[in-house]
Amino acid sequence: MGAVTSNLETPSPSAETSNDLPEQLRVRHEKRARLLAEGKQAYPVTVARTHTIKAIREDYAHLEIGEETQDTAGIAGRVVFLRNTGKLCFVTVQDGDGQRLQIMLSQGEVGAESLTEFKAVVDLGDHLFAEGRIISSRRGELSIFATSWQLAAKALRPLPNLYEREDGSTAELSEEARVRQRYVDLIARPAARDAARLRANVVRSLRDNFHRRDFMEIETPMLQTIHGGAAARPFVTHMNAFDLDLYLRIAPELFLKRAVVGGLERVFEINRNFRNEGADSSHSPEFAMLEAYEAYGDYNTMATLTQDLVQTAAREVYDGETLVTLADGSQYELGGQWAELSMYHSLSERAGVEITPETSVAELARLAESVEITLDPKKANHGKFVEELWEHFVGNDLYAPTFVRDFPVETSPLTRDHRTQAGVVEKWDLYVRGFELATAYSELVDPVIQRQRFEAQAVLAAAGDDEAMKLDEDFLTAMEYAMPPSGGMGMGLDRLLMALTGLGIRETILFPLVKPLQ
């Protein structure tokens, strides 16, 4: 809704520079100064609010047109509509839930001096308190017929210019304006508030679902001495007290597994991860991640768990439905039993040539070259080629929810070897609407093999692969105390919101990282 006026990017002024401000900001600063000069408050500590707008709307929805009550209430909200006409003023205020209510101020009720003061100092965007009788206007509008009013907070910047085009559509804030000034977006656009609440409700659903399954929510370190748990480039920081370089975690996996070793057999965490990589419509350098581990589970039990987590969240936020309506108006079905694909089998079918774990790197490189896929020579092993080829031939066309199973061993150093197929591991990726939503393993718990996998990663790191994992001796020591057979799953929370809403990742994160304006 609405186009952003240029003053939204105007720097905050000092008193000395206020005369150089755009007119709208200068006038509002002058009104603030006038209030203070008169000994009045532009930002009082509190106001005597007695009711929320929602409560008024629910309790008095029965009023007939023109019906008045003797019940009084004190309400507060942001002014989103203002009509000053003669001896009667109409104001619409909006609260944090987006609920709106009309306030009527008449000279007969508040007095001539008070009404004149109201017209002189109140603007769109201000927070306003009013106290008065609850009535229904002659037009049937539920209202507060005010006997007194008070400014609750003076807005020094105007709201975005929300206007209706000739065709009846409403101008919208640009995506750049929405993410840079989310607070304005939340004021102006109901969809922004809805997205924030939906995210909170999805997180609540996930937690409740885990608690019903006797999982324990724990917290693991975000500052780590060794980055691990995923193949990604980390952010590096420095701790002065220990004179030690640290990493912002790329995944909580290795610490959650330590907890399973310690006897916490069902654990999960919902928290932030940080990866110093690209940013686009489906990637953010700071993002929310859900990870869960279950002793005596495997990647099959994790698939059952993940499907239920997603479908239950959809039903709980969409009134029992798994058929969700996306931002573009299309619908997407998350219900039913989700499909499964074998990575090697589906790739062979689509590429028209049999590809197995024994297929040579040279043969895969020739196939990749034929479809214009190039890999960094430092990362060009069998597994990397297979995954890139699969994305090209199969992944880009996946739309319905699908578990893609059984990955190359080279790309999954923390995953158990497949119980029947040599050269692959028991891992799946869940694809929804063409993007990866979650991944799960039958966890590698043999500390000897795990050490060998880490050593192979160290060789890649030494060759220049900045995403390769480092050898973590403390984690290996923990594994030597014996971790039970386990399944583990990780799911991007922001991507789950993308799947449920059709929004881009910057719209599902309330305050995404954006490059500062110069």
Protein backbone atom coordinates (compact mmCIF):
# COMPACT_ATOMS: atom_id res chain seq x y z
CA MET A 1 0.00 0.00 0.00
CA GLY A 2 1.24 3.42 -0.84
CA ALA A 3 4.32 5.00 -2.29
CA VAL A 4 7.10 6.10 0.01
CA THR A 5 7.72 9.82 -0.03
CA SER A 6 11.32 10.99 -0.24
CA ASN A 7 11.41 12.22 3.36
CA LEU A 8 11.52 8.63 4.60
CA GLU A 9 15.25 8.64 3.86
CA THR A 10 15.92 12.12 5.28
CA PRO A 11 18.52 12.02 8.10
CA SER A 12 17.29 12.85 11.59
CA PRO A 13 17.76 16.56 12.18
CA SER A 14 19.32 18.46 15.00
CA ALA A 15 17.65 21.54 16.42
CA GLU A 16 20.19 23.70 14.60
CA THR A 17 19.38 22.23 11.20
CA SER A 18 15.59 21.97 11.55
CA ASN A 19 15.06 25.02 9.34
CA ASP A 20 16.69 23.12 6.48
CA LEU A 21 14.21 20.25 6.70
CA PRO A 22 11.55 19.46 4.11
CA GLU A 23 8.40 21.38 4.96
CA GLN A 24 6.40 18.43 6.33
CA LEU A 25 9.13 17.52 8.80
CA ARG A 26 9.79 21.17 9.75
CA VAL A 27 6.11 21.78 10.53
CA ARG A 28 5.95 18.71 12.75
CA HIS A 29 9.09 19.74 14.62
CA GLU A 30 7.53 23.15 15.17
CA LYS A 31 4.39 21.53 16.60
CA ARG A 32 6.49 19.50 19.01
CA ALA A 33 8.36 22.63 20.07
CA ARG A 34 5.08 24.48 20.57
CA LEU A 35 3.75 21.76 22.88
CA LEU A 36 6.89 21.84 24.98
CA ALA A 37 6.88 25.62 25.13
CA GLU A 38 3.30 25.50 26.46
CA GLY A 39 4.31 23.05 29.17
CA LYS A 40 2.52 20.17 27.48
CA GLN A 41 3.86 16.72 26.65
CA ALA A 42 4.57 15.42 23.17
CA TYR A 43 5.66 12.04 24.61
CA PRO A 44 3.93 11.38 27.94
CA VAL A 45 5.06 8.49 30.12
CA THR A 46 1.63 6.90 29.92
CA VAL A 47 -2.00 7.54 29.04
CA ALA A 48 -5.14 6.29 30.78
CA ARG A 49 -6.04 3.57 28.26
CA THR A 50 -8.75 1.27 29.58
CA HIS A 51 -9.67 -0.78 26.51
CA THR A 52 -8.03 -2.13 23.39
CA ILE A 53 -9.63 -1.39 20.06
CA LYS A 54 -10.16 -5.11 19.57
CA ALA A 55 -12.09 -5.35 22.85
CA ILE A 56 -14.33 -2.41 21.91
CA ARG A 57 -15.06 -3.94 18.50
CA GLU A 58 -15.87 -7.34 20.00
CA ASP A 59 -17.98 -6.11 22.93
CA TYR A 60 -19.99 -3.48 21.05
CA ALA A 61 -20.39 -5.01 17.61
CA HIS A 62 -24.11 -5.34 18.33
CA LEU A 63 -24.83 -1.59 18.37
CA GLU A 64 -27.40 -0.47 15.83
CA ILE A 65 -26.93 2.56 13.55
CA GLY A 66 -27.08 5.70 15.68
CA GLU A 67 -27.27 3.78 18.97
CA GLU A 68 -25.45 5.39 21.90
CA THR A 69 -24.36 4.01 25.24
CA GLN A 70 -23.32 5.61 28.50
CA ASP A 71 -20.32 3.26 28.71
CA THR A 72 -16.99 5.08 28.62
CA ALA A 73 -13.60 3.89 27.45
CA GLY A 74 -10.10 5.24 26.98
CA ILE A 75 -8.40 4.01 23.80
CA ALA A 76 -5.16 4.80 22.00
CA GLY A 77 -3.79 4.20 18.53
CA ARG A 78 -1.96 5.68 15.58
CA VAL A 79 -3.87 8.28 13.55
CA VAL A 80 -4.39 6.88 10.04
CA PHE A 81 -7.29 9.11 8.94
CA LEU A 82 -8.08 12.68 9.92
CA ARG A 83 -10.89 15.01 8.86
CA ASN A 84 -11.11 18.38 10.55
CA THR A 85 -14.40 20.04 9.63
CA GLY A 86 -15.83 22.89 11.62
CA LYS A 87 -17.07 21.95 15.05
CA LEU A 88 -16.82 18.17 14.51
CA CYS A 89 -13.64 16.23 13.75
CA PHE A 90 -13.39 12.59 12.70
CA VAL A 91 -10.26 10.55 13.43
CA THR A 92 -9.48 6.90 12.74
CA VAL A 93 -6.82 5.29 14.92
CA GLN A 94 -5.09 1.96 14.38
CA ASP A 95 -3.52 -0.27 17.02
CA GLY A 96 -0.70 -2.78 16.74
CA ASP A 97 -3.07 -5.53 15.60
CA GLY A 98 -4.21 -3.40 12.67
CA GLN A 99 -7.62 -2.93 14.30
CA ARG A 100 -9.17 0.48 13.66
CA LEU A 101 -11.73 2.60 15.46
CA GLN A 102 -13.23 6.01 14.84
CA ILE A 103 -12.96 8.87 17.32
CA MET A 104 -15.39 11.79 17.08
CA LEU A 105 -14.43 15.10 18.66
CA SER A 106 -17.09 17.80 18.88
CA GLN A 107 -16.76 21.31 20.20
CA GLY A 108 -19.76 20.69 22.45
CA GLU A 109 -18.04 17.77 24.21
CA VAL A 110 -14.37 18.75 24.38
CA GLY A 111 -14.72 22.54 24.29
CA ALA A 112 -13.68 25.12 21.71
CA GLU A 113 -10.15 25.58 23.05
CA SER A 114 -9.43 21.86 23.12
CA LEU A 115 -10.78 21.34 19.61
CA THR A 116 -8.69 24.23 18.29
CA GLU A 117 -5.62 22.73 19.96
CA PHE A 118 -6.41 19.34 18.41
CA LYS A 119 -6.57 20.83 14.93
CA ALA A 120 -3.31 22.68 15.51
CA VAL A 121 -1.09 19.85 16.76
CA VAL A 122 -2.43 16.44 15.65
CA ASP A 123 -1.20 14.93 12.36
CA LEU A 124 -1.46 11.63 10.53
CA GLY A 125 0.93 9.16 12.13
CA ASP A 126 0.65 10.56 15.67
CA HIS A 127 -0.37 8.28 18.52
CA LEU A 128 -3.58 9.64 20.03
CA PHE A 129 -5.46 8.86 23.24
CA ALA A 130 -9.14 9.66 23.59
CA GLU A 131 -11.70 9.02 26.30
CA GLY A 132 -15.44 9.13 25.83
CA ARG A 133 -18.72 7.30 25.34
CA ILE A 134 -19.00 4.25 23.08
CA ILE A 135 -21.54 4.88 20.34
CA SER A 136 -22.51 3.96 16.80
CA SER A 137 -22.51 6.98 14.49
CA ARG A 138 -25.35 8.02 12.21
CA ARG A 139 -23.57 6.11 9.47
CA GLY A 140 -23.24 3.00 11.64
CA GLU A 141 -19.54 3.48 12.45
CA LEU A 142 -18.56 2.19 15.91
CA SER A 143 -16.93 5.18 17.59
CA ILE A 144 -15.65 6.84 20.71
CA PHE A 145 -17.51 10.13 21.21
CA ALA A 146 -14.67 11.87 22.97
CA THR A 147 -14.90 14.03 26.06
CA SER A 148 -11.11 14.46 26.24
CA TRP A 149 -8.02 13.66 24.22
CA GLN A 150 -4.25 13.61 24.66
CA LEU A 151 -1.31 13.23 22.34
CA ALA A 152 0.41 9.93 23.19
CA ALA A 153 3.41 10.32 20.83
CA LYS A 154 4.15 12.94 18.18
CA ALA A 155 5.27 11.59 14.80
CA LEU A 156 7.97 13.83 13.33
CA ARG A 157 7.84 12.04 9.99
CA PRO A 158 4.71 11.61 7.85
CA LEU A 159 3.40 8.20 6.91
CA PRO A 160 3.93 6.94 3.35
CA ASN A 161 1.70 8.54 0.77
CA LEU A 162 -0.99 5.87 0.51
CA TYR A 163 -3.08 6.70 -2.49
CA GLU A 164 -5.51 4.95 -4.81
CA ARG A 165 -4.81 4.87 -8.51
CA GLU A 166 -7.45 5.69 -11.13
CA ASP A 167 -7.98 1.97 -11.81
CA GLY A 168 -8.88 1.39 -8.14
CA SER A 169 -5.61 -0.35 -7.20
CA THR A 170 -3.43 0.93 -4.39
CA ALA A 171 0.18 1.97 -4.91
CA GLU A 172 2.55 -0.30 -2.99
CA LEU A 173 5.76 0.24 -1.10
CA SER A 174 8.75 -1.04 -3.05
CA GLU A 175 10.45 -4.15 -1.70
CA GLU A 176 13.55 -2.08 -0.98
CA ALA A 177 11.53 0.39 1.10
CA ARG A 178 9.77 -2.46 2.91
CA VAL A 179 12.94 -4.19 4.07
CA ARG A 180 14.91 -1.03 4.84
CA GLN A 181 12.17 0.47 6.98
CA ARG A 182 10.14 -2.48 8.15
CA TYR A 183 8.61 -0.37 10.90
CA VAL A 184 6.95 1.79 8.21
CA ASP A 185 5.92 -1.35 6.33
CA LEU A 186 4.25 -2.73 9.47
CA ILE A 187 2.32 0.52 9.97
CA ALA A 188 1.21 0.88 6.38
CA ARG A 189 0.67 -2.67 5.10
CA PRO A 190 -1.61 -5.28 6.70
CA ALA A 191 0.24 -8.03 4.79
CA ALA A 192 3.45 -7.17 6.61
CA ARG A 193 1.76 -7.52 10.00
CA ASP A 194 0.12 -10.75 8.88
CA ALA A 195 3.48 -12.21 7.80
CA ALA A 196 5.06 -11.36 11.17
CA ARG A 197 2.21 -12.97 13.10
CA LEU A 198 2.13 -16.01 10.83
CA ARG A 199 5.83 -16.57 11.46
CA ALA A 200 5.28 -16.42 15.22
CA ASN A 201 2.39 -18.88 14.95
CA VAL A 202 4.45 -21.28 12.82
CA VAL A 203 7.27 -21.27 15.38
CA ARG A 204 4.75 -21.91 18.15
CA SER A 205 3.31 -24.83 16.16
CA LEU A 206 6.77 -26.36 15.66
CA ARG A 207 7.63 -26.07 19.35
CA ASP A 208 4.30 -27.52 20.45
CA ASN A 209 4.69 -30.42 18.03
CA PHE A 210 8.15 -31.23 19.37
CA HIS A 211 6.99 -30.99 22.96
CA ARG A 212 4.17 -33.45 22.24
CA ARG A 213 6.87 -35.85 21.04
CA ASP A 214 8.94 -35.40 24.23
CA PHE A 215 11.72 -33.47 22.52
CA MET A 216 13.73 -31.07 24.68
CA GLU A 217 14.55 -27.60 23.37
CA ILE A 218 18.15 -26.65 24.11
CA GLU A 219 20.52 -23.84 23.15
CA THR A 220 23.98 -24.30 21.67
CA PRO A 221 26.85 -21.82 21.15
CA MET A 222 26.72 -19.24 18.39
CA LEU A 223 30.39 -18.39 18.91
CA GLN A 224 32.49 -21.43 18.10
CA THR A 225 36.22 -22.10 18.08
CA ILE A 226 35.83 -24.44 15.09
CA HIS A 227 33.07 -24.06 12.50
CA GLY A 228 31.33 -27.24 11.47
CA GLY A 229 28.05 -29.01 10.87
CA ALA A 230 27.68 -27.88 7.25
CA ALA A 231 29.70 -27.03 4.16
CA ALA A 232 29.66 -23.24 4.21
CA ARG A 233 31.94 -20.22 4.55
CA PRO A 234 31.80 -18.79 8.08
CA PHE A 235 31.95 -15.27 9.47
CA VAL A 236 35.08 -14.70 11.57
CA THR A 237 35.26 -12.52 14.68
CA HIS A 238 37.78 -11.99 17.49
CA MET A 239 37.41 -12.40 21.24
CA ASN A 240 39.62 -9.90 23.04
CA ALA A 241 39.48 -11.61 26.45
CA PHE A 242 41.05 -14.83 25.11
CA ASP A 243 42.85 -13.19 22.17
CA LEU A 244 41.12 -15.82 20.05
CA ASP A 245 39.54 -15.87 16.61
CA LEU A 246 36.02 -17.29 16.71
CA TYR A 247 33.40 -18.21 14.14
CA LEU A 248 29.73 -17.38 14.02
CA ARG A 249 28.13 -20.77 13.76
CA ILE A 250 27.06 -22.12 10.41
CA ALA A 251 25.03 -24.91 12.06
CA PRO A 252 24.29 -26.17 15.61
CA GLU A 253 24.71 -29.81 14.55
CA LEU A 254 27.91 -30.80 16.31
CA PHE A 255 26.79 -29.45 19.68
CA LEU A 256 23.32 -30.98 19.42
CA LYS A 257 25.01 -34.32 18.77
CA ARG A 258 27.16 -33.80 21.86
CA ALA A 259 23.89 -33.47 23.79
CA VAL A 260 22.66 -36.80 22.38
CA VAL A 261 25.95 -38.42 23.43
CA GLY A 262 25.29 -37.05 26.92
CA GLY A 263 21.92 -38.79 27.12
CA LEU A 264 19.52 -36.07 25.95
CA GLU A 265 18.03 -38.42 23.39
CA ARG A 266 15.51 -36.10 21.73
CA VAL A 267 16.65 -32.51 21.28
CA PHE A 268 15.85 -29.60 19.01
CA GLU A 269 16.88 -25.99 18.59
CA ILE A 270 15.36 -23.03 16.75
CA ASN A 271 17.93 -20.27 16.42
CA ARG A 272 20.15 -18.20 14.14
CA ASN A 273 22.87 -19.39 11.78
CA PHE A 274 25.35 -17.24 9.87
CA ARG A 275 26.96 -18.03 6.50
CA ASN A 276 29.28 -15.61 4.75
CA GLU A 277 27.95 -16.34 1.28
CA GLY A 278 25.63 -14.84 -1.32
CA ALA A 279 22.31 -13.14 -0.69
CA ASP A 280 19.35 -13.57 -3.05
CA SER A 281 15.63 -14.33 -3.03
CA SER A 282 16.19 -17.61 -1.15
CA HIS A 283 19.45 -17.00 0.77
CA SER A 284 20.25 -14.66 3.64
CA PRO A 285 23.62 -14.42 5.45
CA GLU A 286 21.75 -14.52 8.78
CA PHE A 287 18.85 -16.94 8.95
CA ALA A 288 16.77 -19.00 11.35
CA MET A 289 17.28 -22.75 11.46
CA LEU A 290 15.47 -25.65 13.08
CA GLU A 291 17.57 -28.73 13.86
CA ALA A 292 16.41 -31.86 15.65
CA TYR A 293 18.06 -35.16 16.66
CA GLU A 294 16.42 -38.35 17.81
CA ALA A 295 18.29 -41.29 19.29
CA TYR A 296 17.28 -44.62 17.73
CA GLY A 297 15.79 -42.84 14.74
CA ASP A 298 17.12 -42.65 11.17
CA TYR A 299 16.47 -40.63 8.03
CA ASN A 300 13.17 -42.45 7.53
CA THR A 301 11.81 -41.41 10.93
CA MET A 302 13.06 -37.88 10.22
CA ALA A 303 11.05 -37.82 6.98
CA THR A 304 7.88 -38.79 8.86
CA LEU A 305 8.60 -36.15 11.50
CA THR A 306 9.32 -33.40 8.98
CA GLN A 307 6.19 -34.03 6.93
CA ASP A 308 4.09 -33.86 10.08
CA LEU A 309 5.81 -30.69 11.32
CA VAL A 310 5.12 -28.86 8.06
CA GLN A 311 1.59 -30.14 7.54
CA THR A 312 0.60 -29.48 11.15
CA ALA A 313 1.99 -25.94 10.96
CA ALA A 314 0.01 -25.32 7.76
CA ARG A 315 -3.21 -26.57 9.32
CA GLU A 316 -2.71 -24.56 12.50
CA VAL A 317 -2.11 -21.26 10.72
CA TYR A 318 -4.60 -21.78 7.86
CA ASP A 319 -7.73 -22.96 9.68
CA GLY A 320 -7.18 -26.68 9.20
CA GLU A 321 -6.12 -26.49 5.54
CA THR A 322 -3.00 -27.88 3.87
CA LEU A 323 -3.98 -26.24 0.56
CA VAL A 324 -2.34 -22.86 1.07
CA THR A 325 -2.89 -19.67 -0.93
CA LEU A 326 0.39 -18.02 -1.91
CA ALA A 327 1.23 -14.35 -2.24
CA ASP A 328 0.58 -14.36 -6.00
CA GLY A 329 -2.89 -15.84 -5.50
CA SER A 330 -1.96 -19.36 -6.64
CA GLN A 331 -2.59 -22.38 -4.43
CA TYR A 332 -0.16 -25.06 -3.27
CA GLU A 333 -0.99 -28.43 -1.73
CA LEU A 334 1.14 -29.54 1.20
CA GLY A 335 -1.11 -32.40 2.25
CA GLY A 336 -1.02 -36.13 1.55
CA GLN A 337 1.98 -38.43 1.43
CA TRP A 338 4.92 -36.69 -0.17
CA ALA A 339 6.77 -38.17 -3.14
CA GLU A 340 10.27 -39.70 -2.99
CA LEU A 341 13.07 -39.81 -5.57
CA SER A 342 16.45 -41.54 -5.66
CA MET A 343 19.13 -39.00 -6.64
CA TYR A 344 21.11 -41.38 -8.83
CA HIS A 345 18.08 -43.07 -10.41
CA SER A 346 16.25 -39.82 -11.21
CA LEU A 347 19.43 -38.27 -12.62
CA SER A 348 20.05 -41.28 -14.85
CA GLU A 349 16.50 -41.15 -16.17
CA ARG A 350 16.60 -37.46 -17.03
CA ALA A 351 20.17 -37.37 -18.34
CA GLY A 352 19.60 -40.40 -20.56
CA VAL A 353 22.74 -42.16 -19.31
CA GLU A 354 23.25 -44.42 -16.31
CA ILE A 355 25.06 -42.65 -13.47
CA THR A 356 26.11 -44.63 -10.42
CA PRO A 357 28.49 -44.10 -7.48
CA GLU A 358 31.13 -45.81 -9.64
CA THR A 359 30.83 -43.33 -12.54
CA SER A 360 34.20 -41.64 -13.00
CA VAL A 361 34.85 -37.96 -12.40
CA ALA A 362 36.07 -37.66 -16.00
CA GLU A 363 32.79 -39.01 -17.37
CA LEU A 364 30.76 -36.72 -15.10
CA ALA A 365 32.92 -33.76 -16.13
CA ARG A 366 32.22 -34.48 -19.82
CA LEU A 367 28.47 -34.61 -19.16
CA ALA A 368 28.67 -31.40 -17.14
CA GLU A 369 30.56 -29.66 -19.94
CA SER A 370 27.92 -30.74 -22.45
CA VAL A 371 25.25 -28.85 -20.47
CA GLU A 372 27.54 -25.91 -19.66
CA ILE A 373 28.08 -26.71 -15.97
CA THR A 374 31.46 -25.68 -14.60
CA LEU A 375 32.86 -26.41 -11.16
CA ASP A 376 35.68 -24.86 -9.17
CA PRO A 377 38.58 -27.33 -9.66
CA LYS A 378 39.15 -27.29 -5.89
CA LYS A 379 35.65 -28.73 -5.36
CA ALA A 380 35.31 -30.90 -8.46
CA ASN A 381 34.85 -34.41 -7.06
CA HIS A 382 32.34 -37.13 -7.93
CA GLY A 383 29.74 -35.97 -5.40
CA LYS A 384 29.85 -32.31 -6.41
CA PHE A 385 29.38 -33.21 -10.07
CA VAL A 386 26.47 -35.54 -9.30
CA GLU A 387 24.68 -32.91 -7.22
CA GLU A 388 25.20 -30.14 -9.79
CA LEU A 389 24.03 -32.39 -12.62
CA TRP A 390 21.01 -33.48 -10.60
CA GLU A 391 20.04 -29.84 -9.96
CA HIS A 392 20.28 -29.17 -13.70
CA PHE A 393 18.37 -32.20 -14.95
CA VAL A 394 15.91 -32.80 -12.11
CA GLY A 395 15.93 -30.28 -9.28
CA ASN A 396 14.93 -27.25 -11.29
CA ASP A 397 11.69 -28.95 -12.31
CA LEU A 398 10.59 -30.24 -8.89
CA TYR A 399 7.43 -28.50 -7.68
CA ALA A 400 5.36 -30.83 -5.48
CA PRO A 401 6.85 -31.67 -2.04
CA THR A 402 9.47 -34.35 -2.71
CA PHE A 403 12.11 -36.17 -0.64
CA VAL A 404 15.26 -36.63 -2.74
CA ARG A 405 17.13 -39.55 -1.19
CA ASP A 406 20.56 -41.15 -1.03
CA PHE A 407 23.37 -38.69 -1.79
CA PRO A 408 27.02 -39.16 -2.79
CA VAL A 409 29.32 -39.87 0.15
CA GLU A 410 31.82 -37.14 -0.83
CA THR A 411 29.35 -34.31 -0.11
CA SER A 412 27.96 -35.63 3.18
CA PRO A 413 30.82 -36.13 5.67
CA LEU A 414 28.53 -36.36 8.72
CA THR A 415 26.17 -38.97 7.28
CA ARG A 416 26.08 -42.75 7.69
CA ASP A 417 26.86 -44.97 4.71
CA HIS A 418 23.76 -46.43 3.11
CA ARG A 419 22.89 -49.78 4.64
CA THR A 420 22.54 -51.51 1.22
CA GLN A 421 24.06 -49.25 -1.48
CA ALA A 422 27.80 -48.71 -1.65
CA GLY A 423 29.06 -45.21 -2.34
CA VAL A 424 25.99 -43.34 -1.12
CA VAL A 425 24.81 -42.14 2.26
CA GLU A 426 21.45 -42.12 4.00
CA LYS A 427 20.53 -38.51 3.43
CA TRP A 428 17.51 -36.80 1.95
CA ASP A 429 16.76 -33.24 0.88
CA LEU A 430 13.18 -32.02 0.88
CA TYR A 431 12.23 -29.87 -2.11
CA VAL A 432 9.11 -27.69 -2.04
CA ARG A 433 8.11 -25.41 -4.92
CA GLY A 434 11.52 -25.90 -6.50
CA PHE A 435 13.74 -24.98 -3.56
CA GLU A 436 15.39 -26.99 -0.80
CA LEU A 437 13.45 -26.72 2.46
CA ALA A 438 15.03 -29.32 4.75
CA THR A 439 17.63 -32.08 4.94
CA ALA A 440 18.04 -35.14 7.16
CA TYR A 441 20.54 -37.92 7.81
CA SER A 442 20.92 -41.27 9.37
CA GLU A 443 23.71 -39.87 11.50
CA LEU A 444 27.27 -41.13 11.27
CA VAL A 445 28.08 -42.27 14.81
CA ASP A 446 31.26 -44.35 14.26
CA PRO A 447 34.04 -42.06 15.55
CA VAL A 448 36.75 -43.85 13.53
CA ILE A 449 34.95 -43.30 10.21
CA GLN A 450 34.02 -39.78 11.30
CA ARG A 451 37.70 -38.98 11.86
CA GLN A 452 38.51 -40.32 8.38
CA ARG A 453 35.78 -38.12 6.87
CA PHE A 454 37.10 -35.04 8.71
CA GLU A 455 40.63 -35.80 7.51
CA ALA A 456 39.35 -35.96 3.94
CA GLN A 457 37.67 -32.58 4.50
CA ALA A 458 40.96 -31.19 5.81
CA VAL A 459 42.65 -32.20 2.56
CA LEU A 460 39.98 -30.27 0.62
CA ALA A 461 40.45 -27.25 2.90
CA ALA A 462 44.20 -27.35 2.37
CA ALA A 463 43.59 -27.40 -1.40
CA GLY A 464 41.61 -24.16 -1.09
CA ASP A 465 37.99 -25.27 -0.49
CA ASP A 466 36.79 -22.58 1.93
CA GLU A 467 33.56 -24.48 2.60
CA ALA A 468 35.26 -27.68 3.78
CA MET A 469 34.87 -28.65 7.43
CA LYS A 470 37.72 -28.56 9.92
CA LEU A 471 38.77 -31.46 12.10
CA ASP A 472 37.06 -30.99 15.47
CA GLU A 473 38.94 -32.99 18.12
CA ASP A 474 36.51 -32.18 20.93
CA PHE A 475 33.57 -33.41 18.85
CA LEU A 476 35.46 -36.60 17.99
CA THR A 477 36.25 -37.10 21.69
CA ALA A 478 32.53 -36.81 22.45
CA MET A 479 31.72 -39.36 19.74
CA GLU A 480 34.22 -41.78 21.27
CA TYR A 481 31.96 -41.93 24.33
CA ALA A 482 29.41 -43.56 21.94
CA MET A 483 26.48 -41.85 20.31
CA PRO A 484 23.44 -44.12 19.85
CA PRO A 485 22.02 -44.75 16.37
CA SER A 486 20.25 -41.49 15.53
CA GLY A 487 18.40 -39.49 12.93
CA GLY A 488 18.96 -35.77 12.49
CA MET A 489 17.06 -33.11 10.55
CA GLY A 490 17.62 -29.44 9.70
CA MET A 491 15.04 -27.08 8.20
CA GLY A 492 15.34 -23.41 7.31
CA LEU A 493 12.62 -21.58 9.20
CA ASP A 494 12.64 -18.66 6.77
CA ARG A 495 12.25 -21.11 3.90
CA LEU A 496 9.35 -22.81 5.66
CA LEU A 497 7.64 -19.41 5.70
CA MET A 498 8.46 -19.09 1.98
CA ALA A 499 6.77 -22.45 1.38
CA LEU A 500 3.69 -21.46 3.36
CA THR A 501 3.29 -17.95 1.92
CA GLY A 502 5.03 -17.71 -1.45
CA LEU A 503 7.03 -14.71 -0.22
CA GLY A 504 10.74 -14.16 -0.84
CA ILE A 505 13.15 -14.72 2.02
CA ARG A 506 13.56 -10.99 2.77
CA GLU A 507 9.80 -10.75 3.31
CA THR A 508 9.72 -13.69 5.74
CA ILE A 509 12.53 -12.24 7.90
CA LEU A 510 11.21 -9.31 9.90
CA PHE A 511 14.46 -7.32 9.80
CA PRO A 512 16.74 -8.80 7.09
CA LEU A 513 20.29 -7.61 6.62
CA VAL A 514 20.48 -4.97 3.89
CA LYS A 515 23.45 -3.05 2.60
CA PRO A 516 23.46 0.44 4.15
CA LEU A 517 22.73 3.42 1.95
CA GLN A 518 25.73 5.62 1.28
